[in-house]
């Protein structure tokens, strides 16, 4: 499982002209699922994302977590995080989980954040999405389990 965390001042996901998620301060989390991933990986990465100290304290040091600042999250399924670009010029996505395996794990990840009382929105699995990200910092963190 791979997650790309982007600390944002604002984030929004739009599908077919409809806003599916919108947040202020928080994280936009691009989430890729591998074929061997399951609930243990989801729980580990959700806990890590929520508790990672990447928000600034009053002294300007990255000392606070999403939980500490009361931030929100948007979870966007992103199979392209499993792109293999070692050969040729067209990425291969054979290392990404199939939709039937990935979709419930993406939902479980978002629910895990909600269970920690983090306001969490989602994109639409498999849809063409317009993701608006106003990076804060910018701070972008790669997590893998």
Protein backbone atom coordinates (compact mmCIF):
# COMPACT_ATOMS: atom_id res chain seq x y z
CA UNK A 1 0.00 0.00 0.00
CA UNK A 2 1.26 3.43 -0.92
CA UNK A 3 0.04 6.81 0.23
CA UNK A 4 1.15 10.22 -0.93
CA UNK A 5 0.21 12.80 1.72
CA UNK A 6 -0.08 16.41 0.67
CA UNK A 7 -0.48 18.96 3.44
CA UNK A 8 -3.01 21.47 2.17
CA UNK A 9 -4.65 24.73 3.07
CA UNK A 10 -7.53 23.70 0.78
CA UNK A 11 -8.50 20.64 -1.21
CA UNK A 12 -11.43 19.67 -3.39
CA UNK A 13 -12.48 16.76 -5.60
CA UNK A 14 -14.96 17.24 -8.44
CA UNK A 15 -16.50 14.48 -10.56
CA UNK A 16 -18.70 15.36 -13.54
CA UNK A 17 -19.10 18.91 -12.25
CA UNK A 18 -20.19 17.72 -8.77
CA UNK A 19 -18.04 18.37 -5.71
CA UNK A 20 -17.58 15.06 -3.86
CA UNK A 21 -15.22 16.35 -1.17
CA UNK A 22 -13.92 19.70 0.01
CA UNK A 23 -11.70 20.60 2.97
CA UNK A 24 -9.72 23.43 4.47
CA UNK A 25 -6.54 22.69 6.43
CA UNK A 26 -5.59 19.04 6.32
CA UNK A 27 -4.33 16.31 4.05
CA UNK A 28 -5.16 15.19 0.54
CA UNK A 29 -4.16 11.54 0.55
CA UNK A 30 -3.56 9.80 -2.76
CA UNK A 31 -3.86 6.09 -1.96
CA UNK A 32 -2.60 3.16 -4.03
CA UNK A 33 -3.49 -0.43 -3.19
CA UNK A 34 -1.34 -3.43 -4.09
CA UNK A 35 -2.63 -6.96 -4.64
CA UNK A 36 -1.20 -8.26 -1.35
CA UNK A 37 -2.63 -5.42 0.76
CA UNK A 38 -5.34 -5.95 3.34
CA UNK A 39 -6.76 -4.50 6.56
CA UNK A 40 -3.45 -4.61 8.49
CA UNK A 41 -1.79 -2.33 5.92
CA UNK A 42 -4.83 -0.04 5.91
CA UNK A 43 -4.84 0.32 9.69
CA UNK A 44 -1.08 0.94 9.81
CA UNK A 45 -1.09 3.64 7.12
CA UNK A 46 -4.27 5.35 8.37
CA UNK A 47 -2.79 5.56 11.87
CA UNK A 48 0.51 6.81 10.47
CA UNK A 49 -1.17 9.47 8.30
CA UNK A 50 -3.31 10.73 11.18
CA UNK A 51 -0.45 10.87 13.66
CA UNK A 52 2.42 12.06 11.46
CA UNK A 53 3.76 15.33 12.87
CA UNK A 54 3.88 17.45 9.70
CA UNK A 55 1.90 20.52 10.77
CA UNK A 56 3.58 23.52 12.33
CA UNK A 57 3.33 24.40 16.00
CA UNK A 58 3.25 28.05 17.18
CA UNK A 59 7.07 28.14 16.91
CA UNK A 60 6.95 27.16 13.23
CA UNK A 61 8.29 23.63 13.80
CA UNK A 62 6.66 20.55 12.30
CA UNK A 63 5.48 19.17 15.62
CA UNK A 64 1.73 18.64 15.23
CA UNK A 65 -0.33 15.92 13.60
CA UNK A 66 -3.58 16.04 11.67
CA UNK A 67 -5.28 14.97 14.91
CA UNK A 68 -3.55 17.76 16.87
CA UNK A 69 -4.62 20.52 14.49
CA UNK A 70 -8.17 19.21 14.01
CA UNK A 71 -7.58 19.01 10.27
CA UNK A 72 -9.63 17.16 7.67
CA UNK A 73 -8.70 14.69 4.96
CA UNK A 74 -9.64 13.72 1.43
CA UNK A 75 -8.83 10.18 0.28
CA UNK A 76 -8.40 9.68 -3.46
CA UNK A 77 -7.82 6.23 -4.91
CA UNK A 78 -4.76 6.40 -7.16
CA UNK A 79 -3.68 3.16 -8.82
CA UNK A 80 -1.04 5.12 -10.76
CA UNK A 81 1.09 5.16 -7.59
CA UNK A 82 1.96 1.60 -8.66
CA UNK A 83 3.24 2.65 -12.10
CA UNK A 84 6.24 0.69 -13.29
CA UNK A 85 8.28 2.89 -15.63
CA UNK A 86 11.46 0.80 -15.84
CA UNK A 87 10.83 -0.30 -19.43
CA UNK A 88 9.74 1.77 -22.39
CA UNK A 89 7.80 4.99 -22.19
CA UNK A 90 4.34 3.71 -21.29
CA UNK A 91 3.86 2.92 -17.58
CA UNK A 92 2.67 -0.52 -16.60
CA UNK A 93 0.12 -0.82 -13.81
CA UNK A 94 0.23 -4.58 -13.32
CA UNK A 95 1.51 -4.10 -9.75
CA UNK A 96 -1.71 -2.32 -8.72
CA UNK A 97 -4.57 -4.27 -7.15
CA UNK A 98 -7.62 -5.02 -9.25
CA UNK A 99 -10.66 -2.82 -8.53
CA UNK A 100 -12.62 -5.53 -6.68
CA UNK A 101 -9.75 -5.85 -4.20
CA UNK A 102 -8.79 -2.18 -4.00
CA UNK A 103 -12.19 -0.45 -3.64
CA UNK A 104 -13.11 -1.89 -0.21
CA UNK A 105 -9.63 -1.12 1.13
CA UNK A 106 -9.82 2.51 0.00
CA UNK A 107 -13.20 2.77 1.75
CA UNK A 108 -11.76 1.09 4.86
CA UNK A 109 -8.87 3.57 4.90
CA UNK A 110 -11.29 6.53 4.78
CA UNK A 111 -13.47 4.93 7.46
CA UNK A 112 -10.42 4.38 9.66
CA UNK A 113 -9.72 8.11 9.55
CA UNK A 114 -13.37 8.84 10.35
CA UNK A 115 -13.16 6.45 13.30
CA UNK A 116 -10.39 8.74 14.63
CA UNK A 117 -12.86 11.67 14.39
CA UNK A 118 -11.15 13.13 11.34
CA UNK A 119 -13.60 14.71 8.92
CA UNK A 120 -12.85 12.67 5.78
CA UNK A 121 -14.16 13.04 2.25
CA UNK A 122 -13.43 10.83 -0.71
CA UNK A 123 -13.10 10.91 -4.44
CA UNK A 124 -15.13 8.46 -6.54
CA UNK A 125 -13.36 5.16 -7.11
CA UNK A 126 -12.53 4.63 -10.78
CA UNK A 127 -13.93 7.98 -11.91
CA UNK A 128 -12.19 10.77 -13.79
CA UNK A 129 -11.61 13.28 -11.01
CA UNK A 130 -10.48 16.86 -10.90
CA UNK A 131 -8.40 17.14 -7.72
CA UNK A 132 -7.64 20.66 -6.54
CA UNK A 133 -4.76 20.88 -4.10
CA UNK A 134 -3.46 24.06 -2.50
CA UNK A 135 -0.21 22.71 -1.07
CA UNK A 136 0.83 24.11 2.27
CA UNK A 137 4.59 24.43 2.50
CA UNK A 138 4.67 22.53 0.20
CA UNK A 139 4.83 19.41 2.34
CA UNK A 140 4.50 16.12 0.49
CA UNK A 141 5.23 12.82 2.26
CA UNK A 142 5.43 9.31 0.77
CA UNK A 143 4.27 6.41 2.97
CA UNK A 144 4.49 2.74 2.11
CA UNK A 145 3.61 -0.44 3.98
